[in-house]
Amino acid sequence: MSNGGAQIIRGFALGRGRVDVCVLYAGKAYPLELKIASSKARVEGLEQLERYMTGCGASEGRLVIFDRDQSKGWEDKITWATDKLPKGGTAHIVGC
């Protein structure tokens, strides 16, 4: 799929894994890892995202964690955080 000069790829193969979504724009790759909220989603998601970032040479990536708990309101689900990864990249973590 193309959008404004960007190419959006689902299930993009990187090394031995597959990043959920990868946006290719202006010669750079922007990997996105998608997770359903669980006790391990953040830790596992960041580990996967860092591998994908290394595989495509990206310095930044996004981890999106979907919270399906219907007892929570959007004001509790929508979050944004930025973490430095062990290999030096930056991960933006979006809760929704």
PDB file of N, CA and C in Angstrom:
ATOM      1  N   MET A   1       0.847  -1.160   0.000  1.00  0.00           N
ATOM      2  CA  MET A   1       0.000   0.000   0.000  1.00  0.00           C
ATOM      3  C   MET A   1       0.899   1.232   0.000  1.00  0.00           C
ATOM      4  N   SER A   2       0.549   2.243  -0.739  1.00  0.00           N
ATOM      5  CA  SER A   2       1.326   3.465  -0.809  1.00  0.00           C
ATOM      6  C   SER A   2       0.474   4.636  -0.323  1.00  0.00           C
ATOM      7  N   ASN A   3       1.127   5.579   0.364  1.00  0.00           N
ATOM      8  CA  ASN A   3       0.410   6.707   0.928  1.00  0.00           C
ATOM      9  C   ASN A   3       1.341   7.913   0.951  1.00  0.00           C
ATOM     10  N   GLY A   4       1.124   8.881   0.089  1.00  0.00           N
ATOM     11  CA  GLY A   4       1.933  10.092   0.094  1.00  0.00           C
ATOM     12  C   GLY A   4       3.415   9.839  -0.107  1.00  0.00           C
ATOM     13  N   GLY A   5       3.774   8.858  -0.888  1.00  0.00           N
ATOM     14  CA  GLY A   5       5.174   8.540  -1.108  1.00  0.00           C
ATOM     15  C   GLY A   5       5.713   7.499  -0.145  1.00  0.00           C
ATOM     16  N   ALA A   6       4.945   7.146   0.866  1.00  0.00           N
ATOM     17  CA  ALA A   6       5.358   6.108   1.813  1.00  0.00           C
ATOM     18  C   ALA A   6       4.800   4.769   1.354  1.00  0.00           C
ATOM     19  N   GLN A   7       5.504   3.736   1.693  1.00  0.00           N
ATOM     20  CA  GLN A   7       5.034   2.386   1.408  1.00  0.00           C
ATOM     21  C   GLN A   7       4.761   1.710   2.742  1.00  0.00           C
ATOM     22  N   ILE A   8       3.577   1.157   2.906  1.00  0.00           N
ATOM     23  CA  ILE A   8       3.189   0.497   4.146  1.00  0.00           C
ATOM     24  C   ILE A   8       3.114  -0.999   3.878  1.00  0.00           C
ATOM     25  N   ILE A   9       3.904  -1.762   4.642  1.00  0.00           N
ATOM     26  CA  ILE A   9       4.004  -3.201   4.410  1.00  0.00           C
ATOM     27  C   ILE A   9       3.592  -3.934   5.685  1.00  0.00           C
ATOM     28  N   ARG A  10       2.673  -4.896   5.555  1.00  0.00           N
ATOM     29  CA  ARG A  10       2.281  -5.747   6.686  1.00  0.00           C
ATOM     30  C   ARG A  10       3.070  -7.040   6.618  1.00  0.00           C
ATOM     31  N   GLY A  11       3.480  -7.551   7.772  1.00  0.00           N
ATOM     32  CA  GLY A  11       4.189  -8.829   7.817  1.00  0.00           C
ATOM     33  C   GLY A  11       5.521  -8.772   7.099  1.00  0.00           C
ATOM     34  N   PHE A  12       6.241  -7.680   7.245  1.00  0.00           N
ATOM     35  CA  PHE A  12       7.524  -7.447   6.581  1.00  0.00           C
ATOM     36  C   PHE A  12       8.599  -8.353   7.185  1.00  0.00           C
ATOM     37  N   ALA A  13       9.236  -9.189   6.369  1.00  0.00           N
ATOM     38  CA  ALA A  13      10.250 -10.125   6.853  1.00  0.00           C
ATOM     39  C   ALA A  13      11.550  -9.395   7.168  1.00  0.00           C
ATOM     40  N   LEU A  14      12.042  -9.612   8.387  1.00  0.00           N
ATOM     41  CA  LEU A  14      13.333  -9.056   8.823  1.00  0.00           C
ATOM     42  C   LEU A  14      14.080 -10.146   9.567  1.00  0.00           C
ATOM     43  N   GLY A  15      15.143 -10.644   8.980  1.00  0.00           N
ATOM     44  CA  GLY A  15      15.897 -11.706   9.620  1.00  0.00           C
ATOM     45  C   GLY A  15      15.024 -12.934   9.798  1.00  0.00           C
ATOM     46  N   ARG A  16      14.974 -13.453  11.025  1.00  0.00           N
ATOM     47  CA  ARG A  16      14.179 -14.653  11.306  1.00  0.00           C
ATOM     48  C   ARG A  16      12.759 -14.315  11.757  1.00  0.00           C
ATOM     49  N   GLY A  17      12.428 -13.035  11.836  1.00  0.00           N
ATOM     50  CA  GLY A  17      11.100 -12.654  12.301  1.00  0.00           C
ATOM     51  C   GLY A  17      10.360 -11.836  11.263  1.00  0.00           C
ATOM     52  N   ARG A  18       9.158 -11.408  11.627  1.00  0.00           N
ATOM     53  CA  ARG A  18       8.331 -10.588  10.751  1.00  0.00           C
ATOM     54  C   ARG A  18       7.751  -9.458  11.577  1.00  0.00           C
ATOM     55  N   VAL A  19       8.153  -8.235  11.240  1.00  0.00           N
ATOM     56  CA  VAL A  19       7.588  -7.080  11.914  1.00  0.00           C
ATOM     57  C   VAL A  19       6.131  -6.946  11.470  1.00  0.00           C
ATOM     58  N   ASP A  20       5.243  -6.545  12.380  1.00  0.00           N
ATOM     59  CA  ASP A  20       3.815  -6.481  12.062  1.00  0.00           C
ATOM     60  C   ASP A  20       3.525  -5.480  10.949  1.00  0.00           C
ATOM     61  N   VAL A  21       4.104  -4.295  11.057  1.00  0.00           N
ATOM     62  CA  VAL A  21       3.924  -3.255  10.039  1.00  0.00           C
ATOM     63  C   VAL A  21       5.244  -2.521   9.889  1.00  0.00           C
ATOM     64  N   CYS A  22       5.606  -2.213   8.663  1.00  0.00           N
ATOM     65  CA  CYS A  22       6.802  -1.431   8.419  1.00  0.00           C
ATOM     66  C   CYS A  22       6.447  -0.339   7.413  1.00  0.00           C
ATOM     67  N   VAL A  23       6.762   0.902   7.772  1.00  0.00           N
ATOM     68  CA  VAL A  23       6.538   2.025   6.871  1.00  0.00           C
ATOM     69  C   VAL A  23       7.889   2.387   6.264  1.00  0.00           C
ATOM     70  N   LEU A  24       7.954   2.377   4.939  1.00  0.00           N
ATOM     71  CA  LEU A  24       9.162   2.776   4.226  1.00  0.00           C
ATOM     72  C   LEU A  24       8.915   4.155   3.645  1.00  0.00           C
ATOM     73  N   TYR A  25       9.755   5.124   4.044  1.00  0.00           N
ATOM     74  CA  TYR A  25       9.552   6.495   3.591  1.00  0.00           C
ATOM     75  C   TYR A  25      10.906   7.191   3.472  1.00  0.00           C
ATOM     76  N   ALA A  26      11.113   7.815   2.363  1.00  0.00           N
ATOM     77  CA  ALA A  26      12.339   8.587   2.108  1.00  0.00           C
ATOM     78  C   ALA A  26      13.595   7.768   2.405  1.00  0.00           C
ATOM     79  N   GLY A  27      13.586   6.509   2.007  1.00  0.00           N
ATOM     80  CA  GLY A  27      14.747   5.651   2.166  1.00  0.00           C
ATOM     81  C   GLY A  27      14.964   5.113   3.568  1.00  0.00           C
ATOM     82  N   LYS A  28      14.030   5.352   4.475  1.00  0.00           N
ATOM     83  CA  LYS A  28      14.160   4.862   5.845  1.00  0.00           C
ATOM     84  C   LYS A  28      13.005   3.919   6.179  1.00  0.00           C
ATOM     85  N   ALA A  29      13.263   3.007   7.116  1.00  0.00           N
ATOM     86  CA  ALA A  29      12.238   2.066   7.575  1.00  0.00           C
ATOM     87  C   ALA A  29      11.806   2.452   8.980  1.00  0.00           C
ATOM     88  N   TYR A  30      10.493   2.373   9.211  1.00  0.00           N
ATOM     89  CA  TYR A  30       9.913   2.668  10.516  1.00  0.00           C
ATOM     90  C   TYR A  30       9.084   1.462  10.940  1.00  0.00           C
ATOM     91  N   PRO A  31       9.659   0.557  11.766  1.00  0.00           N
ATOM     92  CA  PRO A  31       8.939  -0.650  12.177  1.00  0.00           C
ATOM     93  C   PRO A  31       7.928  -0.368  13.285  1.00  0.00           C
ATOM     94  N   LEU A  32       6.794  -1.085  13.232  1.00  0.00           N
ATOM     95  CA  LEU A  32       5.759  -1.015  14.259  1.00  0.00           C
ATOM     96  C   LEU A  32       5.446  -2.431  14.713  1.00  0.00           C
ATOM     97  N   GLU A  33       5.514  -2.652  16.013  1.00  0.00           N
ATOM     98  CA  GLU A  33       5.128  -3.935  16.588  1.00  0.00           C
ATOM     99  C   GLU A  33       3.797  -3.730  17.299  1.00  0.00           C
ATOM    100  N   LEU A  34       2.841  -4.610  17.060  1.00  0.00           N
ATOM    101  CA  LEU A  34       1.498  -4.509  17.631  1.00  0.00           C
ATOM    102  C   LEU A  34       1.287  -5.639  18.632  1.00  0.00           C
ATOM    103  N   LYS A  35       0.743  -5.303  19.809  1.00  0.00           N
ATOM    104  CA  LYS A  35       0.492  -6.300  20.850  1.00  0.00           C
ATOM    105  C   LYS A  35      -0.864  -6.046  21.491  1.00  0.00           C
ATOM    106  N   ILE A  36      -1.466  -7.111  21.988  1.00  0.00           N
ATOM    107  CA  ILE A  36      -2.653  -7.023  22.836  1.00  0.00           C
ATOM    108  C   ILE A  36      -2.133  -6.939  24.279  1.00  0.00           C
ATOM    109  N   ALA A  37      -2.709  -6.067  25.080  1.00  0.00           N
ATOM    110  CA  ALA A  37      -2.251  -5.864  26.453  1.00  0.00           C
ATOM    111  C   ALA A  37      -2.239  -7.173  27.243  1.00  0.00           C
ATOM    112  N   SER A  38      -1.125  -7.405  27.910  1.00  0.00           N
ATOM    113  CA  SER A  38      -0.953  -8.552  28.806  1.00  0.00           C
ATOM    114  C   SER A  38       0.208  -8.205  29.734  1.00  0.00           C
ATOM    115  N   SER A  39       0.476  -9.078  30.676  1.00  0.00           N
ATOM    116  CA  SER A  39       1.574  -8.811  31.610  1.00  0.00           C
ATOM    117  C   SER A  39       2.940  -8.820  30.912  1.00  0.00           C
ATOM    118  N   LYS A  40       3.029  -9.469  29.753  1.00  0.00           N
ATOM    119  CA  LYS A  40       4.309  -9.579  29.037  1.00  0.00           C
ATOM    120  C   LYS A  40       4.376  -8.729  27.776  1.00  0.00           C
ATOM    121  N   ALA A  41       3.306  -8.049  27.416  1.00  0.00           N
ATOM    122  CA  ALA A  41       3.243  -7.356  26.128  1.00  0.00           C
ATOM    123  C   ALA A  41       4.352  -6.324  25.951  1.00  0.00           C
ATOM    124  N   ARG A  42       4.589  -5.512  26.965  1.00  0.00           N
ATOM    125  CA  ARG A  42       5.596  -4.456  26.831  1.00  0.00           C
ATOM    126  C   ARG A  42       6.999  -5.042  26.698  1.00  0.00           C
ATOM    127  N   VAL A  43       7.369  -5.942  27.598  1.00  0.00           N
ATOM    128  CA  VAL A  43       8.718  -6.518  27.576  1.00  0.00           C
ATOM    129  C   VAL A  43       8.959  -7.281  26.278  1.00  0.00           C
ATOM    130  N   GLU A  44       8.037  -8.185  25.927  1.00  0.00           N
ATOM    131  CA  GLU A  44       8.202  -8.977  24.701  1.00  0.00           C
ATOM    132  C   GLU A  44       8.153  -8.089  23.462  1.00  0.00           C
ATOM    133  N   GLY A  45       7.256  -7.124  23.469  1.00  0.00           N
ATOM    134  CA  GLY A  45       7.130  -6.220  22.328  1.00  0.00           C
ATOM    135  C   GLY A  45       8.387  -5.402  22.100  1.00  0.00           C
ATOM    136  N   LEU A  46       8.993  -4.892  23.179  1.00  0.00           N
ATOM    137  CA  LEU A  46      10.220  -4.107  23.036  1.00  0.00           C
ATOM    138  C   LEU A  46      11.379  -4.966  22.553  1.00  0.00           C
ATOM    139  N   GLU A  47      11.457  -6.211  23.031  1.00  0.00           N
ATOM    140  CA  GLU A  47      12.508  -7.124  22.564  1.00  0.00           C
ATOM    141  C   GLU A  47      12.355  -7.376  21.064  1.00  0.00           C
ATOM    142  N   GLN A  48      11.131  -7.663  20.637  1.00  0.00           N
ATOM    143  CA  GLN A  48      10.888  -7.901  19.207  1.00  0.00           C
ATOM    144  C   GLN A  48      11.188  -6.654  18.398  1.00  0.00           C
ATOM    145  N   LEU A  49      10.691  -5.515  18.860  1.00  0.00           N
ATOM    146  CA  LEU A  49      10.891  -4.269  18.135  1.00  0.00           C
ATOM    147  C   LEU A  49      12.374  -3.961  17.968  1.00  0.00           C
ATOM    148  N   GLU A  50      13.158  -4.170  19.002  1.00  0.00           N
ATOM    149  CA  GLU A  50      14.592  -3.895  18.901  1.00  0.00           C
ATOM    150  C   GLU A  50      15.256  -4.796  17.857  1.00  0.00           C
ATOM    151  N   ARG A  51      14.858  -6.064  17.807  1.00  0.00           N
ATOM    152  CA  ARG A  51      15.405  -6.965  16.771  1.00  0.00           C
ATOM    153  C   ARG A  51      15.044  -6.454  15.381  1.00  0.00           C
ATOM    154  N   TYR A  52      13.793  -6.033  15.192  1.00  0.00           N
ATOM    155  CA  TYR A  52      13.367  -5.534  13.891  1.00  0.00           C
ATOM    156  C   TYR A  52      14.086  -4.247  13.532  1.00  0.00           C
ATOM    157  N   MET A  53      14.275  -3.369  14.503  1.00  0.00           N
ATOM    158  CA  MET A  53      14.986  -2.114  14.253  1.00  0.00           C
ATOM    159  C   MET A  53      16.420  -2.400  13.815  1.00  0.00           C
ATOM    160  N   THR A  54      17.065  -3.332  14.491  1.00  0.00           N
ATOM    161  CA  THR A  54      18.426  -3.717  14.119  1.00  0.00           C
ATOM    162  C   THR A  54      18.441  -4.290  12.704  1.00  0.00           C
ATOM    163  N   GLY A  55      17.454  -5.134  12.394  1.00  0.00           N
ATOM    164  CA  GLY A  55      17.385  -5.782  11.084  1.00  0.00           C
ATOM    165  C   GLY A  55      17.202  -4.824   9.925  1.00  0.00           C
ATOM    166  N   CYS A  56      16.524  -3.704  10.164  1.00  0.00           N
ATOM    167  CA  CYS A  56      16.300  -2.764   9.048  1.00  0.00           C
ATOM    168  C   CYS A  56      17.093  -1.480   9.212  1.00  0.00           C
ATOM    169  N   GLY A  57      17.959  -1.419  10.224  1.00  0.00           N
ATOM    170  CA  GLY A  57      18.807  -0.251  10.412  1.00  0.00           C
ATOM    171  C   GLY A  57      18.076   0.983  10.917  1.00  0.00           C
ATOM    172  N   ALA A  58      16.959   0.788  11.608  1.00  0.00           N
ATOM    173  CA  ALA A  58      16.173   1.918  12.110  1.00  0.00           C
ATOM    174  C   ALA A  58      16.680   2.351  13.485  1.00  0.00           C
ATOM    175  N   SER A  59      16.669   3.640  13.740  1.00  0.00           N
ATOM    176  CA  SER A  59      17.049   4.150  15.052  1.00  0.00           C
ATOM    177  C   SER A  59      15.820   4.364  15.944  1.00  0.00           C
ATOM    178  N   GLU A  60      14.623   4.318  15.344  1.00  0.00           N
ATOM    179  CA  GLU A  60      13.372   4.489  16.082  1.00  0.00           C
ATOM    180  C   GLU A  60      12.358   3.453  15.638  1.00  0.00           C
ATOM    181  N   GLY A  61      11.478   3.092  16.559  1.00  0.00           N
ATOM    182  CA  GLY A  61      10.389   2.190  16.234  1.00  0.00           C
ATOM    183  C   GLY A  61       9.206   2.474  17.145  1.00  0.00           C
ATOM    184  N   ARG A  62       8.074   1.863  16.850  1.00  0.00           N
ATOM    185  CA  ARG A  62       6.855   2.058  17.630  1.00  0.00           C
ATOM    186  C   ARG A  62       6.326   0.715  18.107  1.00  0.00           C
ATOM    187  N   LEU A  63       5.940   0.671  19.368  1.00  0.00           N
ATOM    188  CA  LEU A  63       5.250  -0.470  19.946  1.00  0.00           C
ATOM    189  C   LEU A  63       3.853   0.023  20.300  1.00  0.00           C
ATOM    190  N   VAL A  64       2.839  -0.587  19.717  1.00  0.00           N
ATOM    191  CA  VAL A  64       1.455  -0.201  19.979  1.00  0.00           C
ATOM    192  C   VAL A  64       0.802  -1.338  20.752  1.00  0.00           C
ATOM    193  N   ILE A  65       0.280  -1.011  21.948  1.00  0.00           N
ATOM    194  CA  ILE A  65      -0.342  -2.015  22.808  1.00  0.00           C
ATOM    195  C   ILE A  65      -1.825  -1.693  22.931  1.00  0.00           C
ATOM    196  N   PHE A  66      -2.649  -2.625  22.468  1.00  0.00           N
ATOM    197  CA  PHE A  66      -4.099  -2.458  22.476  1.00  0.00           C
ATOM    198  C   PHE A  66      -4.679  -3.049  23.757  1.00  0.00           C
ATOM    199  N   ASP A  67      -5.398  -2.227  24.518  1.00  0.00           N
ATOM    200  CA  ASP A  67      -6.039  -2.663  25.760  1.00  0.00           C
ATOM    201  C   ASP A  67      -7.521  -2.889  25.469  1.00  0.00           C
ATOM    202  N   ARG A  68      -7.945  -4.145  25.545  1.00  0.00           N
ATOM    203  CA  ARG A  68      -9.340  -4.485  25.221  1.00  0.00           C
ATOM    204  C   ARG A  68     -10.244  -4.534  26.454  1.00  0.00           C
ATOM    205  N   ASP A  69      -9.735  -4.076  27.603  1.00  0.00           N
ATOM    206  CA  ASP A  69     -10.514  -4.078  28.839  1.00  0.00           C
ATOM    207  C   ASP A  69     -11.634  -3.040  28.733  1.00  0.00           C
ATOM    208  N   GLN A  70     -12.865  -3.511  28.595  1.00  0.00           N
ATOM    209  CA  GLN A  70     -14.004  -2.619  28.393  1.00  0.00           C
ATOM    210  C   GLN A  70     -14.379  -1.843  29.658  1.00  0.00           C
ATOM    211  N   SER A  71     -13.836  -2.231  30.802  1.00  0.00           N
ATOM    212  CA  SER A  71     -14.137  -1.495  32.027  1.00  0.00           C
ATOM    213  C   SER A  71     -13.294  -0.221  32.148  1.00  0.00           C
ATOM    214  N   LYS A  72     -12.270  -0.076  31.315  1.00  0.00           N
ATOM    215  CA  LYS A  72     -11.421   1.109  31.326  1.00  0.00           C
ATOM    216  C   LYS A  72     -11.931   2.122  30.311  1.00  0.00           C
ATOM    217  N   GLY A  73     -11.834   3.385  30.673  1.00  0.00           N
ATOM    218  CA  GLY A  73     -12.167   4.447  29.730  1.00  0.00           C
ATOM    219  C   GLY A  73     -10.957   4.801  28.876  1.00  0.00           C
ATOM    220  N   TRP A  74     -11.187   5.531  27.796  1.00  0.00           N
ATOM    221  CA  TRP A  74     -10.102   5.917  26.899  1.00  0.00           C
ATOM    222  C   TRP A  74      -9.044   6.743  27.605  1.00  0.00           C
ATOM    223  N   GLU A  75      -9.453   7.552  28.594  1.00  0.00           N
ATOM    224  CA  GLU A  75      -8.474   8.382  29.309  1.00  0.00           C
ATOM    225  C   GLU A  75      -7.444   7.520  30.036  1.00  0.00           C
ATOM    226  N   ASP A  76      -7.782   6.276  30.351  1.00  0.00           N
ATOM    227  CA  ASP A  76      -6.836   5.355  30.982  1.00  0.00           C
ATOM    228  C   ASP A  76      -6.076   4.503  29.966  1.00  0.00           C
ATOM    229  N   LYS A  77      -6.639   4.330  28.792  1.00  0.00           N
ATOM    230  CA  LYS A  77      -6.008   3.474  27.780  1.00  0.00           C
ATOM    231  C   LYS A  77      -4.987   4.213  26.923  1.00  0.00           C
ATOM    232  N   ILE A  78      -5.244   5.479  26.634  1.00  0.00           N
ATOM    233  CA  ILE A  78      -4.364   6.224  25.739  1.00  0.00           C
ATOM    234  C   ILE A  78      -3.127   6.687  26.507  1.00  0.00           C
ATOM    235  N   THR A  79      -1.978   6.154  26.117  1.00  0.00           N
ATOM    236  CA  THR A  79      -0.712   6.511  26.769  1.00  0.00           C
ATOM    237  C   THR A  79       0.376   6.691  25.720  1.00  0.00           C
ATOM    238  N   TRP A  80       1.434   7.382  26.100  1.00  0.00           N
ATOM    239  CA  TRP A  80       2.597   7.575  25.228  1.00  0.00           C
ATOM    240  C   TRP A  80       3.827   7.591  26.112  1.00  0.00           C
ATOM    241  N   ALA A  81       4.820   6.813  25.763  1.00  0.00           N
ATOM    242  CA  ALA A  81       6.087   6.797  26.498  1.00  0.00           C
ATOM    243  C   ALA A  81       7.207   6.596  25.494  1.00  0.00           C
ATOM    244  N   THR A  82       8.380   7.037  25.857  1.00  0.00           N
ATOM    245  CA  THR A  82       9.563   6.848  25.024  1.00  0.00           C
ATOM    246  C   THR A  82      10.631   6.192  25.877  1.00  0.00           C
ATOM    247  N   ASP A  83      11.205   5.092  25.378  1.00  0.00           N
ATOM    248  CA  ASP A  83      12.261   4.364  26.086  1.00  0.00           C
ATOM    249  C   ASP A  83      13.493   4.266  25.203  1.00  0.00           C
ATOM    250  N   LYS A  84      14.654   4.363  25.826  1.00  0.00           N
ATOM    251  CA  LYS A  84      15.903   4.048  25.141  1.00  0.00           C
ATOM    252  C   LYS A  84      16.098   2.543  25.231  1.00  0.00           C
ATOM    253  N   LEU A  85      16.471   1.927  24.134  1.00  0.00           N
ATOM    254  CA  LEU A  85      16.663   0.483  24.094  1.00  0.00           C
ATOM    255  C   LEU A  85      18.117   0.132  24.389  1.00  0.00           C
ATOM    256  N   PRO A  86      18.383  -1.094  24.836  1.00  0.00           N
ATOM    257  CA  PRO A  86      19.751  -1.488  25.189  1.00  0.00           C
ATOM    258  C   PRO A  86      20.776  -1.275  24.071  1.00  0.00           C
ATOM    259  N   LYS A  87      20.375  -1.436  22.819  1.00  0.00           N
ATOM    260  CA  LYS A  87      21.319  -1.266  21.708  1.00  0.00           C
ATOM    261  C   LYS A  87      21.372   0.175  21.207  1.00  0.00           C
ATOM    262  N   GLY A  88      20.703   1.083  21.919  1.00  0.00           N
ATOM    263  CA  GLY A  88      20.825   2.501  21.608  1.00  0.00           C
ATOM    264  C   GLY A  88      19.690   3.122  20.821  1.00  0.00           C
ATOM    265  N   GLY A  89      18.762   2.353  20.326  1.00  0.00           N
ATOM    266  CA  GLY A  89      17.639   2.903  19.580  1.00  0.00           C
ATOM    267  C   GLY A  89      16.596   3.487  20.518  1.00  0.00           C
ATOM    268  N   THR A  90      15.580   4.103  19.926  1.00  0.00           N
ATOM    269  CA  THR A  90      14.486   4.707  20.682  1.00  0.00           C
ATOM    270  C   THR A  90      13.186   4.023  20.316  1.00  0.00           C
ATOM    271  N   ALA A  91      12.427   3.637  21.344  1.00  0.00           N
ATOM    272  CA  ALA A  91      11.110   3.024  21.132  1.00  0.00           C
ATOM    273  C   ALA A  91      10.051   3.964  21.684  1.00  0.00           C
ATOM    274  N   HIS A  92       9.054   4.229  20.876  1.00  0.00           N
ATOM    275  CA  HIS A  92       7.888   4.992  21.300  1.00  0.00           C
ATOM    276  C   HIS A  92       6.787   3.974  21.576  1.00  0.00           C
ATOM    277  N   ILE A  93       6.270   3.979  22.802  1.00  0.00           N
ATOM    278  CA  ILE A  93       5.260   3.002  23.203  1.00  0.00           C
ATOM    279  C   ILE A  93       3.916   3.724  23.300  1.00  0.00           C
ATOM    280  N   VAL A  94       2.966   3.255  22.512  1.00  0.00           N
ATOM    281  CA  VAL A  94       1.642   3.866  22.450  1.00  0.00           C
ATOM    282  C   VAL A  94       0.643   2.882  23.015  1.00  0.00           C
ATOM    283  N   GLY A  95      -0.115   3.314  24.009  1.00  0.00           N
ATOM    284  CA  GLY A  95      -1.195   2.499  24.542  1.00  0.00           C
ATOM    285  C   GLY A  95      -2.511   3.002  23.988  1.00  0.00           C
ATOM    286  N   CYS A  96      -3.382   2.080  23.618  1.00  0.00           N
ATOM    287  CA  CYS A  96      -4.689   2.483  23.099  1.00  0.00           C
ATOM    288  C   CYS A  96      -5.699   1.395  23.357  1.00  0.00           C
TER     289      CYS A  96
END
